[in-house]
Amino acid sequence: MTEGAETKPARVVVADDQTVVREGIVMLLGLLPGIEVVGAAGDGEEAVRLVAELAPDVVLMDLRMPRCDGVEATRRIRAGYPGTQVVVLTTFADDESLFPALKAGARGYLTKDAGGDEIVRAVHSVLSGDAGLSPSIQRRLLERLSDPEPPQPVPVEAPDGLTAREVEVLALIAEGLTNQEIARELHVSTATVKTHINNLFAKTGIKDRAQAVRYAYAKGLARPPMGGVT
């Protein structure tokens, strides 16, 4: 390669609503070869605005953000600015986060435990037309595609506004599984399981796992063992 023919660095916008996390990602990217951070956004609305203003090559997109979440921001960016690719960088690796993001147009999906080299590879992969997926996400997609069983339907009226995933977690709590065992069962991180538990406790007013078990039995979300529950 002759001098002057070097590949230009990928111009990147970082979108994350947590200031410390966002600044940490920007600092990390600034140390990586082949990456130039051109902007940082605190929510999806700002991310879309920065894409319109700066025309970056890639947005590293968090999913859970105020005003406009990462899925909706991804959808808007891919519809309005197809020259910008989106790589999701999030804490969550569950189906409820993964598949909507990919359907919205994200070409890459990493969890926040990804190292700098993995982020660089994902950015350059999506710019070359490939997918930038972490190994764990690739495994999850393959498992989903090869699973002959259809996904379990959401109850028509899940109580107290629980999501399908929260119902799954609650049923597994009722079976006596620990957070680590639930994480393995659902192919998600322990942190994600804790988030689901906190959310379902807040929605239902449950205070501890014993109450969660009783709630699951009372609402028909899990079957009590032989002899019932006292």
C-alpha atoms as a PDB file:
ATOM      1  CA  MET A   1       0.000   0.000   0.000  1.00  0.00           C
ATOM      2  CA  THR A   2       1.455   3.355  -0.976  1.00  0.00           C
ATOM      3  CA  GLU A   3       1.649   6.293   1.349  1.00  0.00           C
ATOM      4  CA  GLY A   4      -1.553   8.348   1.325  1.00  0.00           C
ATOM      5  CA  ALA A   5      -3.641   5.303   0.416  1.00  0.00           C
ATOM      6  CA  GLU A   6      -4.231   4.398   4.036  1.00  0.00           C
ATOM      7  CA  THR A   7      -7.788   3.631   5.056  1.00  0.00           C
ATOM      8  CA  LYS A   8      -9.521   6.586   6.636  1.00  0.00           C
ATOM      9  CA  PRO A   9     -10.623   6.085  10.232  1.00  0.00           C
ATOM     10  CA  ALA A  10     -14.269   5.210  10.792  1.00  0.00           C
ATOM     11  CA  ARG A  11     -16.203   8.260  11.998  1.00  0.00           C
ATOM     12  CA  VAL A  12     -18.283   7.205  14.998  1.00  0.00           C
ATOM     13  CA  VAL A  13     -21.055   8.695  17.137  1.00  0.00           C
ATOM     14  CA  VAL A  14     -21.610   7.208  20.612  1.00  0.00           C
ATOM     15  CA  ALA A  15     -25.156   7.173  22.027  1.00  0.00           C
ATOM     16  CA  ASP A  16     -25.657   6.275  25.710  1.00  0.00           C
ATOM     17  CA  ASP A  17     -27.797   7.985  28.341  1.00  0.00           C
ATOM     18  CA  GLN A  18     -25.388   7.288  31.230  1.00  0.00           C
ATOM     19  CA  THR A  19     -22.799  10.056  31.267  1.00  0.00           C
ATOM     20  CA  VAL A  20     -20.043   8.021  32.923  1.00  0.00           C
ATOM     21  CA  VAL A  21     -20.544   5.103  30.537  1.00  0.00           C
ATOM     22  CA  ARG A  22     -20.734   7.375  27.488  1.00  0.00           C
ATOM     23  CA  GLU A  23     -17.576   9.250  28.425  1.00  0.00           C
ATOM     24  CA  GLY A  24     -15.800   5.973  29.157  1.00  0.00           C
ATOM     25  CA  ILE A  25     -16.694   4.584  25.729  1.00  0.00           C
ATOM     26  CA  VAL A  26     -15.568   7.795  24.031  1.00  0.00           C
ATOM     27  CA  MET A  27     -12.267   7.657  25.925  1.00  0.00           C
ATOM     28  CA  LEU A  28     -11.735   4.006  25.008  1.00  0.00           C
ATOM     29  CA  LEU A  29     -12.500   4.611  21.331  1.00  0.00           C
ATOM     30  CA  GLY A  30     -10.068   7.517  21.291  1.00  0.00           C
ATOM     31  CA  LEU A  31      -7.281   5.059  22.073  1.00  0.00           C
ATOM     32  CA  LEU A  32      -8.215   2.573  19.357  1.00  0.00           C
ATOM     33  CA  PRO A  33      -6.741   2.553  15.850  1.00  0.00           C
ATOM     34  CA  GLY A  34      -9.043   3.200  12.914  1.00  0.00           C
ATOM     35  CA  ILE A  35     -11.708   5.006  14.968  1.00  0.00           C
ATOM     36  CA  GLU A  36     -12.510   8.726  15.156  1.00  0.00           C
ATOM     37  CA  VAL A  37     -15.258   9.792  17.586  1.00  0.00           C
ATOM     38  CA  VAL A  38     -17.086  12.748  16.046  1.00  0.00           C
ATOM     39  CA  GLY A  39     -19.978  13.102  18.495  1.00  0.00           C
ATOM     40  CA  ALA A  40     -21.728  11.762  21.593  1.00  0.00           C
ATOM     41  CA  ALA A  41     -25.467  11.660  22.334  1.00  0.00           C
ATOM     42  CA  GLY A  42     -27.387  11.231  25.573  1.00  0.00           C
ATOM     43  CA  ASP A  43     -30.532   9.754  24.017  1.00  0.00           C
ATOM     44  CA  GLY A  44     -31.998   8.532  20.751  1.00  0.00           C
ATOM     45  CA  GLU A  45     -33.344  11.909  19.686  1.00  0.00           C
ATOM     46  CA  GLU A  46     -29.907  13.470  19.988  1.00  0.00           C
ATOM     47  CA  ALA A  47     -28.343  10.516  18.178  1.00  0.00           C
ATOM     48  CA  VAL A  48     -30.629  11.020  15.174  1.00  0.00           C
ATOM     49  CA  ARG A  49     -29.878  14.751  15.195  1.00  0.00           C
ATOM     50  CA  LEU A  50     -26.107  14.149  15.271  1.00  0.00           C
ATOM     51  CA  VAL A  51     -26.353  11.689  12.393  1.00  0.00           C
ATOM     52  CA  ALA A  52     -28.185  14.315  10.333  1.00  0.00           C
ATOM     53  CA  GLU A  53     -25.577  16.927  11.258  1.00  0.00           C
ATOM     54  CA  LEU A  54     -22.346  14.928  11.117  1.00  0.00           C
ATOM     55  CA  ALA A  55     -23.068  12.016   8.728  1.00  0.00           C
ATOM     56  CA  PRO A  56     -20.945   9.521  10.706  1.00  0.00           C
ATOM     57  CA  ASP A  57     -20.064   6.107   9.349  1.00  0.00           C
ATOM     58  CA  VAL A  58     -21.308   4.257  12.424  1.00  0.00           C
ATOM     59  CA  VAL A  59     -23.372   4.898  15.551  1.00  0.00           C
ATOM     60  CA  LEU A  60     -22.593   2.831  18.651  1.00  0.00           C
ATOM     61  CA  MET A  61     -26.117   2.687  20.068  1.00  0.00           C
ATOM     62  CA  ASP A  62     -27.316   1.911  23.571  1.00  0.00           C
ATOM     63  CA  LEU A  63     -30.872   0.523  23.737  1.00  0.00           C
ATOM     64  CA  ARG A  64     -32.447   1.718  26.986  1.00  0.00           C
ATOM     65  CA  MET A  65     -32.528   5.512  26.711  1.00  0.00           C
ATOM     66  CA  PRO A  66     -35.098   8.230  27.502  1.00  0.00           C
ATOM     67  CA  ARG A  67     -37.194  10.193  24.979  1.00  0.00           C
ATOM     68  CA  CYS A  68     -36.292   7.869  22.104  1.00  0.00           C
ATOM     69  CA  ASP A  69     -34.861   4.412  22.750  1.00  0.00           C
ATOM     70  CA  GLY A  70     -32.130   2.763  20.722  1.00  0.00           C
ATOM     71  CA  VAL A  71     -34.455   0.618  18.617  1.00  0.00           C
ATOM     72  CA  GLU A  72     -36.541   3.579  17.464  1.00  0.00           C
ATOM     73  CA  ALA A  73     -33.417   5.708  16.894  1.00  0.00           C
ATOM     74  CA  THR A  74     -31.920   2.880  14.821  1.00  0.00           C
ATOM     75  CA  ARG A  75     -35.086   2.650  12.746  1.00  0.00           C
ATOM     76  CA  ARG A  76     -35.050   6.409  12.057  1.00  0.00           C
ATOM     77  CA  ILE A  77     -31.357   6.481  11.202  1.00  0.00           C
ATOM     78  CA  ARG A  78     -31.538   3.538   8.819  1.00  0.00           C
ATOM     79  CA  ALA A  79     -34.646   4.983   7.123  1.00  0.00           C
ATOM     80  CA  GLY A  80     -33.391   8.541   6.815  1.00  0.00           C
ATOM     81  CA  TYR A  81     -29.619   8.166   6.639  1.00  0.00           C
ATOM     82  CA  PRO A  82     -28.782   4.798   5.049  1.00  0.00           C
ATOM     83  CA  GLY A  83     -25.108   5.746   4.744  1.00  0.00           C
ATOM     84  CA  THR A  84     -24.765   5.411   8.527  1.00  0.00           C
ATOM     85  CA  GLN A  85     -24.574   1.933  10.036  1.00  0.00           C
ATOM     86  CA  VAL A  86     -25.653   1.088  13.578  1.00  0.00           C
ATOM     87  CA  VAL A  87     -23.863  -1.199  16.031  1.00  0.00           C
ATOM     88  CA  VAL A  88     -25.772  -1.798  19.257  1.00  0.00           C
ATOM     89  CA  LEU A  89     -23.619  -1.625  22.402  1.00  0.00           C
ATOM     90  CA  THR A  90     -25.772  -2.563  25.376  1.00  0.00           C
ATOM     91  CA  THR A  91     -25.978  -4.428  28.658  1.00  0.00           C
ATOM     92  CA  PHE A  92     -28.846  -6.565  27.394  1.00  0.00           C
ATOM     93  CA  ALA A  93     -28.539  -9.709  25.272  1.00  0.00           C
ATOM     94  CA  ASP A  94     -32.068 -11.107  25.678  1.00  0.00           C
ATOM     95  CA  ASP A  95     -34.391 -11.804  22.753  1.00  0.00           C
ATOM     96  CA  GLU A  96     -36.608  -8.821  23.603  1.00  0.00           C
ATOM     97  CA  SER A  97     -33.632  -6.517  23.029  1.00  0.00           C
ATOM     98  CA  LEU A  98     -31.728  -8.375  20.317  1.00  0.00           C
ATOM     99  CA  PHE A  99     -34.345  -9.119  17.690  1.00  0.00           C
ATOM    100  CA  PRO A 100     -36.157  -5.734  17.638  1.00  0.00           C
ATOM    101  CA  ALA A 101     -32.770  -4.003  17.256  1.00  0.00           C
ATOM    102  CA  LEU A 102     -31.766  -6.222  14.332  1.00  0.00           C
ATOM    103  CA  LYS A 103     -35.187  -5.817  12.714  1.00  0.00           C
ATOM    104  CA  ALA A 104     -34.835  -2.036  13.042  1.00  0.00           C
ATOM    105  CA  GLY A 105     -31.678  -2.200  10.932  1.00  0.00           C
ATOM    106  CA  ALA A 106     -28.746  -2.632  13.321  1.00  0.00           C
ATOM    107  CA  ARG A 107     -25.896  -4.455  11.574  1.00  0.00           C
ATOM    108  CA  GLY A 108     -23.927  -5.158  14.731  1.00  0.00           C
ATOM    109  CA  TYR A 109     -24.751  -6.125  18.310  1.00  0.00           C
ATOM    110  CA  LEU A 110     -22.274  -6.156  21.192  1.00  0.00           C
ATOM    111  CA  THR A 111     -22.667  -6.277  24.946  1.00  0.00           C
ATOM    112  CA  LYS A 112     -20.828  -3.767  27.109  1.00  0.00           C
ATOM    113  CA  ASP A 113     -18.329  -6.342  28.286  1.00  0.00           C
ATOM    114  CA  ALA A 114     -16.857  -6.287  24.752  1.00  0.00           C
ATOM    115  CA  GLY A 115     -13.210  -5.315  24.558  1.00  0.00           C
ATOM    116  CA  GLY A 116     -11.755  -2.558  22.411  1.00  0.00           C
ATOM    117  CA  ASP A 117     -10.552  -4.961  19.722  1.00  0.00           C
ATOM    118  CA  GLU A 118     -14.035  -6.460  19.456  1.00  0.00           C
ATOM    119  CA  ILE A 119     -15.605  -3.019  19.031  1.00  0.00           C
ATOM    120  CA  VAL A 120     -13.097  -2.107  16.289  1.00  0.00           C
ATOM    121  CA  ARG A 121     -13.811  -5.375  14.465  1.00  0.00           C
ATOM    122  CA  ALA A 122     -17.563  -4.811  14.670  1.00  0.00           C
ATOM    123  CA  VAL A 123     -17.304  -1.243  13.356  1.00  0.00           C
ATOM    124  CA  HIS A 124     -15.144  -2.232  10.395  1.00  0.00           C
ATOM    125  CA  SER A 125     -17.232  -5.355   9.729  1.00  0.00           C
ATOM    126  CA  VAL A 126     -20.445  -3.366   9.287  1.00  0.00           C
ATOM    127  CA  LEU A 127     -18.655  -0.831   7.087  1.00  0.00           C
ATOM    128  CA  SER A 128     -17.488  -3.643   4.810  1.00  0.00           C
ATOM    129  CA  GLY A 129     -21.007  -5.041   4.541  1.00  0.00           C
ATOM    130  CA  ASP A 130     -20.689  -7.824   7.095  1.00  0.00           C
ATOM    131  CA  ALA A 131     -22.443  -8.277  10.439  1.00  0.00           C
ATOM    132  CA  GLY A 132     -20.646  -7.141  13.583  1.00  0.00           C
ATOM    133  CA  LEU A 133     -21.941  -9.618  16.155  1.00  0.00           C
ATOM    134  CA  SER A 134     -20.259 -10.837  19.319  1.00  0.00           C
ATOM    135  CA  PRO A 135     -19.738 -14.613  19.551  1.00  0.00           C
ATOM    136  CA  SER A 136     -22.444 -14.945  22.226  1.00  0.00           C
ATOM    137  CA  ILE A 137     -24.951 -13.106  20.026  1.00  0.00           C
ATOM    138  CA  GLN A 138     -24.059 -15.294  17.039  1.00  0.00           C
ATOM    139  CA  ARG A 139     -24.706 -18.389  19.174  1.00  0.00           C
ATOM    140  CA  ARG A 140     -28.050 -16.975  20.329  1.00  0.00           C
ATOM    141  CA  LEU A 141     -29.134 -16.334  16.735  1.00  0.00           C
ATOM    142  CA  LEU A 142     -28.105 -19.825  15.643  1.00  0.00           C
ATOM    143  CA  GLU A 143     -29.955 -21.382  18.569  1.00  0.00           C
ATOM    144  CA  ARG A 144     -33.056 -19.372  17.755  1.00  0.00           C
ATOM    145  CA  LEU A 145     -32.912 -20.295  14.058  1.00  0.00           C
ATOM    146  CA  SER A 146     -32.288 -23.987  14.747  1.00  0.00           C
ATOM    147  CA  ASP A 147     -34.867 -24.309  17.527  1.00  0.00           C
ATOM    148  CA  PRO A 148     -37.804 -26.327  16.126  1.00  0.00           C
ATOM    149  CA  GLU A 149     -40.076 -25.160  18.930  1.00  0.00           C
ATOM    150  CA  PRO A 150     -41.871 -21.850  18.336  1.00  0.00           C
ATOM    151  CA  PRO A 151     -41.334 -19.157  20.957  1.00  0.00           C
ATOM    152  CA  GLN A 152     -43.730 -19.357  23.878  1.00  0.00           C
ATOM    153  CA  PRO A 153     -46.683 -17.011  23.352  1.00  0.00           C
ATOM    154  CA  VAL A 154     -47.211 -14.073  25.645  1.00  0.00           C
ATOM    155  CA  PRO A 155     -50.244 -14.547  27.906  1.00  0.00           C
ATOM    156  CA  VAL A 156     -53.160 -12.640  26.424  1.00  0.00           C
ATOM    157  CA  GLU A 157     -53.442 -10.616  29.622  1.00  0.00           C
ATOM    158  CA  ALA A 158     -50.196 -10.827  31.557  1.00  0.00           C
ATOM    159  CA  PRO A 159     -50.980  -9.541  35.060  1.00  0.00           C
ATOM    160  CA  ASP A 160     -49.813  -6.142  36.288  1.00  0.00           C
ATOM    161  CA  GLY A 161     -48.295  -5.208  32.930  1.00  0.00           C
ATOM    162  CA  LEU A 162     -45.585  -7.873  33.074  1.00  0.00           C
ATOM    163  CA  THR A 163     -43.696  -8.518  29.849  1.00  0.00           C
ATOM    164  CA  ALA A 164     -43.278 -11.998  28.375  1.00  0.00           C
ATOM    165  CA  ARG A 165     -39.670 -12.116  29.598  1.00  0.00           C
ATOM    166  CA  GLU A 166     -40.665 -11.020  33.116  1.00  0.00           C
ATOM    167  CA  VAL A 167     -43.269 -13.809  33.187  1.00  0.00           C
ATOM    168  CA  GLU A 168     -40.563 -16.281  32.111  1.00  0.00           C
ATOM    169  CA  VAL A 169     -38.222 -15.082  34.851  1.00  0.00           C
ATOM    170  CA  LEU A 170     -41.008 -15.270  37.447  1.00  0.00           C
ATOM    171  CA  ALA A 171     -41.867 -18.844  36.431  1.00  0.00           C
ATOM    172  CA  LEU A 172     -38.215 -19.852  36.761  1.00  0.00           C
ATOM    173  CA  ILE A 173     -38.012 -18.230  40.204  1.00  0.00           C
ATOM    174  CA  ALA A 174     -41.035 -20.351  41.148  1.00  0.00           C
ATOM    175  CA  GLU A 175     -39.117 -23.438  40.006  1.00  0.00           C
ATOM    176  CA  GLY A 176     -36.392 -22.545  42.516  1.00  0.00           C
ATOM    177  CA  LEU A 177     -33.716 -21.410  40.062  1.00  0.00           C
ATOM    178  CA  THR A 178     -31.030 -18.955  41.167  1.00  0.00           C
ATOM    179  CA  ASN A 179     -30.239 -15.818  39.175  1.00  0.00           C
ATOM    180  CA  GLN A 180     -27.224 -17.537  37.644  1.00  0.00           C
ATOM    181  CA  GLU A 181     -29.302 -20.567  36.642  1.00  0.00           C
ATOM    182  CA  ILE A 182     -32.005 -18.334  35.146  1.00  0.00           C
ATOM    183  CA  ALA A 183     -29.320 -16.486  33.160  1.00  0.00           C
ATOM    184  CA  ARG A 184     -28.041 -19.768  31.724  1.00  0.00           C
ATOM    185  CA  GLU A 185     -31.554 -20.975  30.952  1.00  0.00           C
ATOM    186  CA  LEU A 186     -32.477 -17.782  29.068  1.00  0.00           C
ATOM    187  CA  HIS A 187     -29.035 -17.179  27.514  1.00  0.00           C
ATOM    188  CA  VAL A 188     -28.702 -13.731  29.098  1.00  0.00           C
ATOM    189  CA  SER A 189     -26.362 -12.148  31.623  1.00  0.00           C
ATOM    190  CA  THR A 190     -26.969 -12.255  35.380  1.00  0.00           C
ATOM    191  CA  ALA A 191     -27.240  -8.445  35.315  1.00  0.00           C
ATOM    192  CA  THR A 192     -30.100  -8.729  32.819  1.00  0.00           C
ATOM    193  CA  VAL A 193     -31.882 -11.236  35.063  1.00  0.00           C
ATOM    194  CA  LYS A 194     -31.530  -8.852  38.025  1.00  0.00           C
ATOM    195  CA  THR A 195     -33.001  -6.034  35.938  1.00  0.00           C
ATOM    196  CA  HIS A 196     -36.023  -8.166  35.015  1.00  0.00           C
ATOM    197  CA  ILE A 197     -36.515  -9.187  38.648  1.00  0.00           C
ATOM    198  CA  ASN A 198     -36.338  -5.576  39.849  1.00  0.00           C
ATOM    199  CA  ASN A 199     -38.866  -4.562  37.194  1.00  0.00           C
ATOM    200  CA  LEU A 200     -41.355  -7.322  37.976  1.00  0.00           C
ATOM    201  CA  PHE A 201     -41.033  -6.729  41.734  1.00  0.00           C
ATOM    202  CA  ALA A 202     -41.787  -3.025  41.171  1.00  0.00           C
ATOM    203  CA  LYS A 203     -44.815  -3.779  38.977  1.00  0.00           C
ATOM    204  CA  THR A 204     -46.346  -6.355  41.315  1.00  0.00           C
ATOM    205  CA  GLY A 205     -45.361  -5.013  44.721  1.00  0.00           C
ATOM    206  CA  ILE A 206     -43.493  -8.253  45.475  1.00  0.00           C
ATOM    207  CA  LYS A 207     -40.837  -7.852  48.177  1.00  0.00           C
ATOM    208  CA  ASP A 208     -38.865 -11.107  47.987  1.00  0.00           C
ATOM    209  CA  ARG A 209     -38.564 -14.427  46.175  1.00  0.00           C
ATOM    210  CA  ALA A 210     -40.973 -16.209  48.535  1.00  0.00           C
ATOM    211  CA  GLN A 211     -43.684 -13.704  47.656  1.00  0.00           C
ATOM    212  CA  ALA A 212     -42.749 -14.078  43.982  1.00  0.00           C
ATOM    213  CA  VAL A 213     -43.375 -17.820  44.161  1.00  0.00           C
ATOM    214  CA  ARG A 214     -46.797 -17.323  45.770  1.00  0.00           C
ATOM    215  CA  TYR A 215     -47.678 -14.660  43.202  1.00  0.00           C
ATOM    216  CA  ALA A 216     -46.702 -16.946  40.316  1.00  0.00           C
ATOM    217  CA  TYR A 217     -48.899 -19.749  41.689  1.00  0.00           C
ATOM    218  CA  ALA A 218     -51.829 -17.419  42.408  1.00  0.00           C
ATOM    219  CA  LYS A 219     -51.745 -15.922  38.898  1.00  0.00           C
ATOM    220  CA  GLY A 220     -51.364 -19.281  37.179  1.00  0.00           C
ATOM    221  CA  LEU A 221     -47.899 -18.414  35.860  1.00  0.00           C
ATOM    222  CA  ALA A 222     -46.370 -21.507  37.465  1.00  0.00           C
ATOM    223  CA  ARG A 223     -47.684 -24.793  38.771  1.00  0.00           C
ATOM    224  CA  PRO A 224     -47.209 -25.530  42.476  1.00  0.00           C
ATOM    225  CA  PRO A 225     -45.594 -28.834  43.396  1.00  0.00           C
ATOM    226  CA  MET A 226     -47.744 -31.824  44.324  1.00  0.00           C
ATOM    227  CA  GLY A 227     -49.710 -31.039  47.450  1.00  0.00           C
ATOM    228  CA  GLY A 228     -50.082 -27.346  46.574  1.00  0.00           C
ATOM    229  CA  VAL A 229     -48.657 -24.409  48.455  1.00  0.00           C
ATOM    230  CA  THR A 230     -49.402 -23.649  52.065  1.00  0.00           C
END
